[in-house]
Amino acid sequence: MPHLLGLTGNIACGKTTIGQMVLELGAARYIDADAVVHELYAPGQPIHAAVLAAFGRAILTPDGQIDRRALGARVFSDPAALQRLEGIVHPAVHAAVAAQLTDLPPDAVAVIDAVKLLEGGMARQCEQVWLVVCDPAEERRRLLTDRGLKPAEADARLAAQPDNAARRPLVAAVIDNSGTLVATRAQVAAAWARWRS
């Protein structure tokens, strides 16, 4: 089993950027749980059928794909619906991530990036977990400008995110990605050096 570093943090905080920095420092693989979910949502996958059964045809595009924006609008305004979706998705994501680790040597480092890393149970497999934080106003700006969400959609997603204050005692490092890339890179390099020493 390779060494696993978990990255968690709320939507649009910059986890992917941090993951790329860790690759530059020597990690062998970066696994984005959100990208894994995207693959698992494809027609023919068991999750596609389970999500369709749970939420109905209103969350499909005309060609039968899961419309992630429509699904998000449904679950991010309804905590019970979000919990139902996570109950479908989390076990499948855990299995898919584990499959992506089987070809790595035991001394390699793999990075797992997931919003619900701590809450979904995947953190138990990680040697360390880092929390990426960002100013909420900047997260909202990124959702509006980079992802094209409407203000109400962005606000619903932000309101549904886990509480960072509760996460801080559970992690080995907190990376504040509100400032410049230079400042962020310095924090990442320091956290990496502490862990790998």
Protein backbone atom coordinates (compact mmCIF):
# COMPACT_ATOMS: atom_id res chain seq x y z
CA MET A 1 0.00 0.00 0.00
CA PRO A 2 1.46 3.41 -0.91
CA HIS A 3 1.63 6.29 1.55
CA LEU A 4 -1.64 8.24 1.32
CA LEU A 5 -1.97 11.98 1.80
CA GLY A 6 -5.53 13.24 2.06
CA LEU A 7 -6.51 16.72 0.89
CA THR A 8 -9.84 18.09 2.02
CA GLY A 9 -11.50 21.47 1.98
CA ASN A 10 -14.67 23.06 0.76
CA ILE A 11 -15.78 23.73 -2.78
CA ALA A 12 -13.60 26.15 -4.79
CA CYS A 13 -10.91 26.42 -2.09
CA GLY A 14 -8.16 25.27 -4.48
CA LYS A 15 -7.53 21.62 -3.56
CA THR A 16 -6.59 20.78 -7.14
CA THR A 17 -3.93 23.49 -7.12
CA ILE A 18 -2.49 22.10 -3.89
CA GLY A 19 -2.57 18.58 -5.32
CA GLN A 20 -0.54 19.68 -8.33
CA MET A 21 2.01 21.31 -6.02
CA VAL A 22 2.35 18.05 -4.08
CA LEU A 23 2.95 16.18 -7.35
CA GLU A 24 5.78 18.62 -8.09
CA LEU A 25 7.26 17.82 -4.66
CA GLY A 26 7.40 14.11 -5.40
CA ALA A 27 3.99 12.47 -5.03
CA ALA A 28 3.42 9.74 -7.61
CA ARG A 29 -0.33 10.15 -8.17
CA TYR A 30 -3.12 12.65 -7.59
CA ILE A 31 -6.68 11.28 -7.38
CA ASP A 32 -9.55 13.76 -7.54
CA ALA A 33 -12.60 12.12 -5.93
CA ASP A 34 -14.90 14.53 -7.81
CA ALA A 35 -13.47 13.33 -11.14
CA VAL A 36 -13.98 9.73 -9.96
CA VAL A 37 -17.64 10.54 -9.22
CA HIS A 38 -18.00 12.04 -12.69
CA GLU A 39 -16.80 8.75 -14.23
CA LEU A 40 -19.08 6.71 -11.97
CA TYR A 41 -22.10 8.78 -13.06
CA ALA A 42 -21.76 7.54 -16.65
CA PRO A 43 -24.68 5.57 -18.11
CA GLY A 44 -24.17 1.85 -17.54
CA GLN A 45 -22.41 2.35 -14.21
CA PRO A 46 -24.25 1.05 -11.11
CA ILE A 47 -24.24 4.53 -9.56
CA HIS A 48 -26.06 5.96 -12.59
CA ALA A 49 -28.94 3.54 -12.05
CA ALA A 50 -29.00 4.10 -8.27
CA VAL A 51 -29.02 7.90 -8.59
CA LEU A 52 -31.74 7.72 -11.22
CA ALA A 53 -33.83 5.46 -8.94
CA ALA A 54 -33.35 7.83 -6.00
CA PHE A 55 -33.91 11.17 -7.74
CA GLY A 56 -35.93 10.47 -10.90
CA ARG A 57 -35.55 11.38 -14.54
CA ALA A 58 -35.56 15.14 -13.83
CA ILE A 59 -31.81 14.91 -13.09
CA LEU A 60 -31.00 13.53 -16.57
CA THR A 61 -29.91 15.40 -19.68
CA PRO A 62 -31.81 14.64 -22.92
CA ASP A 63 -29.11 12.09 -23.88
CA GLY A 64 -29.41 10.19 -20.58
CA GLN A 65 -26.40 11.61 -18.73
CA ILE A 66 -26.71 12.70 -15.11
CA ASP A 67 -27.00 16.49 -15.15
CA ARG A 68 -24.70 17.37 -12.25
CA ARG A 69 -26.02 20.92 -12.10
CA ALA A 70 -29.65 19.74 -11.82
CA LEU A 71 -28.65 17.10 -9.27
CA GLY A 72 -26.71 19.72 -7.31
CA ALA A 73 -29.69 22.06 -7.28
CA ARG A 74 -31.75 19.23 -5.81
CA VAL A 75 -29.37 17.98 -3.12
CA PHE A 76 -27.65 21.17 -1.99
CA SER A 77 -30.99 22.65 -0.90
CA ASP A 78 -32.11 19.48 0.93
CA PRO A 79 -29.79 17.93 3.55
CA ALA A 80 -31.71 14.63 3.53
CA ALA A 81 -31.33 14.36 -0.25
CA LEU A 82 -27.62 15.14 0.02
CA GLN A 83 -27.22 12.41 2.64
CA ARG A 84 -29.08 9.95 0.38
CA LEU A 85 -26.80 10.81 -2.55
CA GLU A 86 -23.66 10.44 -0.42
CA GLY A 87 -24.87 7.03 0.75
CA ILE A 88 -24.93 5.93 -2.89
CA VAL A 89 -21.71 7.61 -3.98
CA HIS A 90 -19.21 7.24 -1.11
CA PRO A 91 -18.84 3.42 -1.10
CA ALA A 92 -18.35 3.34 -4.87
CA VAL A 93 -15.78 6.15 -4.74
CA HIS A 94 -13.82 4.34 -2.00
CA ALA A 95 -13.68 1.20 -4.16
CA ALA A 96 -12.68 3.14 -7.30
CA VAL A 97 -9.92 5.03 -5.45
CA ALA A 98 -8.57 1.79 -3.97
CA ALA A 99 -8.41 0.32 -7.48
CA GLN A 100 -6.31 3.29 -8.65
CA LEU A 101 -3.72 2.58 -5.95
CA THR A 102 -3.02 -1.09 -6.69
CA ASP A 103 -0.23 -0.50 -9.22
CA LEU A 104 1.81 1.90 -7.04
CA PRO A 105 4.91 0.68 -5.17
CA PRO A 106 4.73 0.71 -1.35
CA ASP A 107 7.13 3.64 -1.02
CA ALA A 108 5.14 5.91 -3.37
CA VAL A 109 2.94 8.77 -2.20
CA ALA A 110 -0.58 9.16 -3.56
CA VAL A 111 -2.74 12.21 -2.93
CA ILE A 112 -6.50 11.80 -2.50
CA ASP A 113 -8.53 15.01 -2.91
CA ALA A 114 -12.09 14.87 -1.54
CA VAL A 115 -14.46 17.44 -0.04
CA LYS A 116 -15.94 14.81 2.31
CA LEU A 117 -12.66 12.96 2.98
CA LEU A 118 -13.14 13.15 6.77
CA GLU A 119 -16.92 12.83 6.80
CA GLY A 120 -17.05 10.01 4.24
CA GLY A 121 -14.52 7.79 6.01
CA MET A 122 -11.72 7.80 3.44
CA ALA A 123 -9.41 9.70 5.81
CA ARG A 124 -8.93 6.51 7.84
CA GLN A 125 -6.68 5.16 5.07
CA CYS A 126 -4.54 8.33 4.97
CA GLU A 127 -1.30 8.79 6.90
CA GLN A 128 -1.94 12.53 6.98
CA VAL A 129 -4.80 14.83 6.05
CA TRP A 130 -4.32 18.45 5.06
CA LEU A 131 -7.17 20.95 5.15
CA VAL A 132 -7.22 23.59 2.40
CA VAL A 133 -9.05 26.76 3.42
CA CYS A 134 -9.90 29.92 1.55
CA ASP A 135 -11.74 33.15 2.26
CA PRO A 136 -15.47 32.42 1.71
CA ALA A 137 -15.89 35.52 -0.45
CA GLU A 138 -13.12 34.24 -2.73
CA GLU A 139 -14.72 30.78 -2.91
CA ARG A 140 -18.00 32.41 -3.93
CA ARG A 141 -16.24 34.54 -6.56
CA ARG A 142 -14.62 31.41 -8.04
CA LEU A 143 -17.97 29.60 -8.19
CA LEU A 144 -19.56 32.54 -10.01
CA THR A 145 -16.74 33.39 -12.41
CA ASP A 146 -14.83 30.13 -12.91
CA ARG A 147 -17.74 27.68 -12.77
CA GLY A 148 -20.52 29.91 -14.07
CA LEU A 149 -22.95 29.27 -11.22
CA LYS A 150 -25.80 31.64 -10.48
CA PRO A 151 -25.60 33.42 -7.09
CA ALA A 152 -28.35 31.26 -5.56
CA GLU A 153 -26.61 28.07 -6.77
CA ALA A 154 -23.26 29.19 -5.37
CA ASP A 155 -24.80 30.17 -2.04
CA ALA A 156 -26.61 26.82 -1.71
CA ARG A 157 -23.39 24.89 -2.37
CA LEU A 158 -21.42 27.01 0.09
CA ALA A 159 -24.10 26.61 2.77
CA ALA A 160 -23.97 22.81 2.39
CA GLN A 161 -20.20 22.56 2.95
CA PRO A 162 -18.77 21.01 6.13
CA ASP A 163 -17.63 23.25 8.98
CA ASN A 164 -13.90 23.92 8.75
CA ALA A 165 -13.68 24.78 12.46
CA ALA A 166 -14.69 21.21 13.31
CA ARG A 167 -12.14 19.80 10.84
CA ARG A 168 -9.08 21.72 12.06
CA PRO A 169 -8.35 19.49 15.10
CA LEU A 170 -8.50 16.40 12.84
CA VAL A 171 -5.82 17.40 10.33
CA ALA A 172 -2.03 17.58 10.31
CA ALA A 173 -1.78 20.84 8.35
CA VAL A 174 -3.99 23.75 7.30
CA ILE A 175 -3.11 25.37 3.97
CA ASP A 176 -4.61 28.84 3.49
CA ASN A 177 -5.12 29.33 -0.24
CA SER A 178 -6.64 32.84 0.00
CA GLY A 179 -3.45 34.68 -1.01
CA THR A 180 -0.85 34.39 -3.73
CA LEU A 181 0.34 31.14 -5.29
CA VAL A 182 3.80 31.90 -3.91
CA ALA A 183 2.41 32.05 -0.36
CA THR A 184 0.41 28.87 -0.89
CA ARG A 185 3.41 27.03 -2.38
CA ALA A 186 5.51 27.94 0.68
CA GLN A 187 2.90 26.48 3.03
CA VAL A 188 2.63 23.30 0.95
CA ALA A 189 6.42 22.84 0.82
CA ALA A 190 6.67 23.29 4.60
CA ALA A 191 3.86 20.81 5.32
CA TRP A 192 5.41 18.29 2.90
CA ALA A 193 8.85 18.65 4.53
CA ARG A 194 7.38 18.12 8.01
CA TRP A 195 5.53 15.00 6.90
CA ARG A 196 8.30 13.41 4.86
CA SER A 197 10.94 14.00 7.55
